[in-house]
Amino acid sequence: MERSLITDMPRDKYVERCKQRAFDYLDRGDLKNAVALFVRDMNARTDCELPHHLAELGVSLLIGGDAPGLKVLIEGLR
């Protein structure tokens, strides 16, 4: 993600942008990039960093091919 978006955007808007990018990949059936980019984008800001257990849950859902579960996980993050 562009550096200026990471640093200049308010937290809530940044999180929504990260979520939307992940949903775009989920809609295309690309679970791997949905998880990888969501975790990377969220962790790019210290005030958005995902707890380790949530990142691991995302990977577990990816391994299981659980797109609906990933969507619920991502939707629920604030």
N, C-alpha and C. Protein backbone atom coordinates (compact mmCIF):
# COMPACT_ATOMS: atom_id res chain seq x y z
N MET A 1 0.86 -1.16 0.00
CA MET A 1 0.00 0.00 0.00
C MET A 1 0.91 1.23 0.00
N GLU A 2 0.45 2.26 -0.63
CA GLU A 2 1.23 3.49 -0.73
C GLU A 2 1.54 4.08 0.65
N ARG A 3 2.79 4.48 0.86
CA ARG A 3 3.25 4.96 2.16
C ARG A 3 2.40 6.11 2.68
N SER A 4 2.00 7.06 1.81
CA SER A 4 1.22 8.20 2.29
C SER A 4 -0.15 7.77 2.82
N LEU A 5 -0.73 6.72 2.23
CA LEU A 5 -2.01 6.21 2.74
C LEU A 5 -1.84 5.60 4.11
N ILE A 6 -0.71 4.98 4.32
CA ILE A 6 -0.46 4.32 5.61
C ILE A 6 -0.33 5.36 6.72
N THR A 7 0.37 6.43 6.45
CA THR A 7 0.67 7.38 7.52
C THR A 7 -0.34 8.52 7.63
N ASP A 8 -0.99 8.91 6.55
CA ASP A 8 -1.84 10.09 6.56
C ASP A 8 -3.32 9.81 6.80
N MET A 9 -3.75 8.61 6.56
CA MET A 9 -5.17 8.27 6.64
C MET A 9 -5.56 8.01 8.11
N PRO A 10 -6.73 8.51 8.52
CA PRO A 10 -7.21 8.18 9.87
C PRO A 10 -7.34 6.66 10.03
N ARG A 11 -7.14 6.17 11.26
CA ARG A 11 -7.12 4.74 11.52
C ARG A 11 -8.37 4.04 11.00
N ASP A 12 -9.55 4.55 11.31
CA ASP A 12 -10.78 3.85 10.91
C ASP A 12 -10.90 3.75 9.39
N LYS A 13 -10.51 4.77 8.68
CA LYS A 13 -10.56 4.73 7.21
C LYS A 13 -9.50 3.75 6.67
N TYR A 14 -8.35 3.73 7.33
CA TYR A 14 -7.28 2.82 6.92
C TYR A 14 -7.73 1.37 7.07
N VAL A 15 -8.33 1.05 8.21
CA VAL A 15 -8.80 -0.31 8.45
C VAL A 15 -9.85 -0.71 7.41
N GLU A 16 -10.77 0.19 7.12
CA GLU A 16 -11.79 -0.10 6.11
C GLU A 16 -11.16 -0.32 4.74
N ARG A 17 -10.15 0.44 4.41
CA ARG A 17 -9.46 0.26 3.13
C ARG A 17 -8.77 -1.11 3.08
N CYS A 18 -8.13 -1.50 4.16
CA CYS A 18 -7.48 -2.81 4.23
C CYS A 18 -8.52 -3.92 4.06
N LYS A 19 -9.64 -3.77 4.74
CA LYS A 19 -10.70 -4.76 4.65
C LYS A 19 -11.23 -4.85 3.22
N GLN A 20 -11.43 -3.71 2.58
CA GLN A 20 -11.96 -3.72 1.22
C GLN A 20 -11.00 -4.40 0.25
N ARG A 21 -9.71 -4.14 0.42
CA ARG A 21 -8.72 -4.80 -0.44
C ARG A 21 -8.78 -6.32 -0.25
N ALA A 22 -8.92 -6.76 1.00
CA ALA A 22 -9.01 -8.20 1.26
C ALA A 22 -10.29 -8.77 0.64
N PHE A 23 -11.39 -8.06 0.77
CA PHE A 23 -12.66 -8.53 0.18
C PHE A 23 -12.57 -8.62 -1.33
N ASP A 24 -11.84 -7.70 -1.95
CA ASP A 24 -11.66 -7.76 -3.41
C ASP A 24 -10.99 -9.07 -3.81
N TYR A 25 -9.97 -9.47 -3.05
CA TYR A 25 -9.30 -10.75 -3.33
C TYR A 25 -10.22 -11.93 -3.02
N LEU A 26 -10.95 -11.85 -1.93
CA LEU A 26 -11.88 -12.94 -1.60
C LEU A 26 -12.92 -13.11 -2.70
N ASP A 27 -13.43 -12.00 -3.21
CA ASP A 27 -14.44 -12.06 -4.28
C ASP A 27 -13.90 -12.74 -5.53
N ARG A 28 -12.61 -12.67 -5.74
CA ARG A 28 -11.97 -13.32 -6.89
C ARG A 28 -11.54 -14.75 -6.57
N GLY A 29 -11.78 -15.19 -5.34
CA GLY A 29 -11.41 -16.54 -4.95
C GLY A 29 -9.94 -16.69 -4.60
N ASP A 30 -9.24 -15.57 -4.41
CA ASP A 30 -7.81 -15.59 -4.10
C ASP A 30 -7.62 -15.44 -2.59
N LEU A 31 -7.85 -16.53 -1.89
CA LEU A 31 -7.78 -16.50 -0.43
C LEU A 31 -6.36 -16.22 0.06
N LYS A 32 -5.39 -16.77 -0.64
CA LYS A 32 -4.00 -16.60 -0.22
C LYS A 32 -3.62 -15.12 -0.17
N ASN A 33 -3.88 -14.38 -1.23
CA ASN A 33 -3.54 -12.96 -1.23
C ASN A 33 -4.45 -12.14 -0.32
N ALA A 34 -5.68 -12.57 -0.16
CA ALA A 34 -6.58 -11.87 0.76
C ALA A 34 -5.99 -11.87 2.17
N VAL A 35 -5.54 -13.03 2.62
CA VAL A 35 -4.97 -13.15 3.96
C VAL A 35 -3.62 -12.45 4.04
N ALA A 36 -2.74 -12.75 3.09
CA ALA A 36 -1.38 -12.21 3.13
C ALA A 36 -1.37 -10.69 3.10
N LEU A 37 -2.13 -10.10 2.20
CA LEU A 37 -2.12 -8.64 2.09
C LEU A 37 -2.85 -7.98 3.25
N PHE A 38 -3.91 -8.61 3.74
CA PHE A 38 -4.61 -8.02 4.88
C PHE A 38 -3.71 -7.97 6.11
N VAL A 39 -3.05 -9.08 6.39
CA VAL A 39 -2.14 -9.11 7.55
C VAL A 39 -1.01 -8.10 7.34
N ARG A 40 -0.41 -8.09 6.17
CA ARG A 40 0.70 -7.16 5.91
C ARG A 40 0.24 -5.71 6.03
N ASP A 41 -0.89 -5.39 5.40
CA ASP A 41 -1.38 -4.01 5.44
C ASP A 41 -1.73 -3.57 6.86
N MET A 42 -2.40 -4.43 7.60
CA MET A 42 -2.76 -4.07 8.97
C MET A 42 -1.52 -3.90 9.83
N ASN A 43 -0.55 -4.75 9.65
CA ASN A 43 0.67 -4.68 10.46
C ASN A 43 1.60 -3.55 10.05
N ALA A 44 1.29 -2.87 8.96
CA ALA A 44 2.11 -1.74 8.51
C ALA A 44 1.97 -0.54 9.45
N ARG A 45 0.90 -0.51 10.22
CA ARG A 45 0.68 0.57 11.19
C ARG A 45 0.64 -0.03 12.59
N THR A 46 1.37 0.58 13.49
CA THR A 46 1.40 0.04 14.86
C THR A 46 0.04 0.11 15.54
N ASP A 47 -0.79 1.08 15.17
CA ASP A 47 -2.11 1.19 15.80
C ASP A 47 -3.15 0.25 15.17
N CYS A 48 -2.74 -0.53 14.18
CA CYS A 48 -3.64 -1.49 13.52
C CYS A 48 -3.12 -2.92 13.58
N GLU A 49 -1.96 -3.09 14.18
CA GLU A 49 -1.30 -4.39 14.19
C GLU A 49 -2.21 -5.48 14.72
N LEU A 50 -2.29 -6.57 13.98
CA LEU A 50 -3.14 -7.69 14.37
C LEU A 50 -2.47 -8.52 15.47
N PRO A 51 -3.24 -8.94 16.45
CA PRO A 51 -2.69 -9.89 17.42
C PRO A 51 -2.29 -11.18 16.69
N HIS A 52 -1.27 -11.81 17.17
CA HIS A 52 -0.73 -13.01 16.52
C HIS A 52 -1.80 -14.08 16.34
N HIS A 53 -2.66 -14.26 17.32
CA HIS A 53 -3.67 -15.31 17.23
C HIS A 53 -4.67 -15.06 16.11
N LEU A 54 -4.96 -13.79 15.79
CA LEU A 54 -5.88 -13.51 14.70
C LEU A 54 -5.23 -13.76 13.34
N ALA A 55 -3.95 -13.43 13.22
CA ALA A 55 -3.23 -13.73 11.98
C ALA A 55 -3.17 -15.25 11.78
N GLU A 56 -2.92 -15.98 12.86
CA GLU A 56 -2.89 -17.45 12.77
C GLU A 56 -4.26 -18.01 12.41
N LEU A 57 -5.31 -17.43 12.95
CA LEU A 57 -6.66 -17.88 12.60
C LEU A 57 -6.91 -17.67 11.11
N GLY A 58 -6.47 -16.52 10.59
CA GLY A 58 -6.61 -16.27 9.16
C GLY A 58 -5.89 -17.32 8.32
N VAL A 59 -4.70 -17.69 8.72
CA VAL A 59 -3.94 -18.72 8.01
C VAL A 59 -4.65 -20.07 8.11
N SER A 60 -5.19 -20.38 9.27
CA SER A 60 -5.93 -21.64 9.44
C SER A 60 -7.15 -21.69 8.53
N LEU A 61 -7.85 -20.58 8.44
CA LEU A 61 -9.02 -20.52 7.55
C LEU A 61 -8.58 -20.64 6.09
N LEU A 62 -7.46 -20.04 5.76
CA LEU A 62 -6.91 -20.15 4.41
C LEU A 62 -6.60 -21.61 4.08
N ILE A 63 -5.90 -22.29 4.98
CA ILE A 63 -5.54 -23.69 4.76
C ILE A 63 -6.79 -24.55 4.58
N GLY A 64 -7.83 -24.22 5.33
CA GLY A 64 -9.08 -24.96 5.23
C GLY A 64 -9.94 -24.54 4.05
N GLY A 65 -9.52 -23.52 3.31
CA GLY A 65 -10.30 -23.05 2.17
C GLY A 65 -11.62 -22.42 2.56
N ASP A 66 -11.67 -21.87 3.75
CA ASP A 66 -12.92 -21.34 4.31
C ASP A 66 -13.09 -19.85 3.99
N ALA A 67 -13.51 -19.54 2.77
CA ALA A 67 -13.71 -18.14 2.36
C ALA A 67 -14.78 -17.46 3.21
N PRO A 68 -15.92 -18.11 3.49
CA PRO A 68 -16.91 -17.44 4.36
C PRO A 68 -16.36 -17.13 5.75
N GLY A 69 -15.56 -18.04 6.29
CA GLY A 69 -14.95 -17.80 7.60
C GLY A 69 -13.99 -16.64 7.57
N LEU A 70 -13.20 -16.54 6.50
CA LEU A 70 -12.29 -15.40 6.34
C LEU A 70 -13.06 -14.10 6.26
N LYS A 71 -14.16 -14.11 5.53
CA LYS A 71 -14.97 -12.90 5.40
C LYS A 71 -15.49 -12.46 6.76
N VAL A 72 -15.97 -13.39 7.56
CA VAL A 72 -16.49 -13.07 8.89
C VAL A 72 -15.36 -12.52 9.78
N LEU A 73 -14.20 -13.15 9.71
CA LEU A 73 -13.06 -12.70 10.50
C LEU A 73 -12.70 -11.26 10.14
N ILE A 74 -12.56 -10.99 8.85
CA ILE A 74 -12.16 -9.66 8.40
C ILE A 74 -13.23 -8.63 8.72
N GLU A 75 -14.49 -8.98 8.49
CA GLU A 75 -15.58 -8.05 8.79
C GLU A 75 -15.60 -7.64 10.25
N GLY A 76 -15.26 -8.56 11.13
CA GLY A 76 -15.35 -8.32 12.56
C GLY A 76 -14.22 -7.48 13.13
N LEU A 77 -13.17 -7.27 12.38
CA LEU A 77 -12.04 -6.50 12.90
C LEU A 77 -12.33 -5.01 12.85
N ARG A 78 -11.91 -4.35 13.89
CA ARG A 78 -12.13 -2.89 13.98
C ARG A 78 -10.82 -2.24 14.19
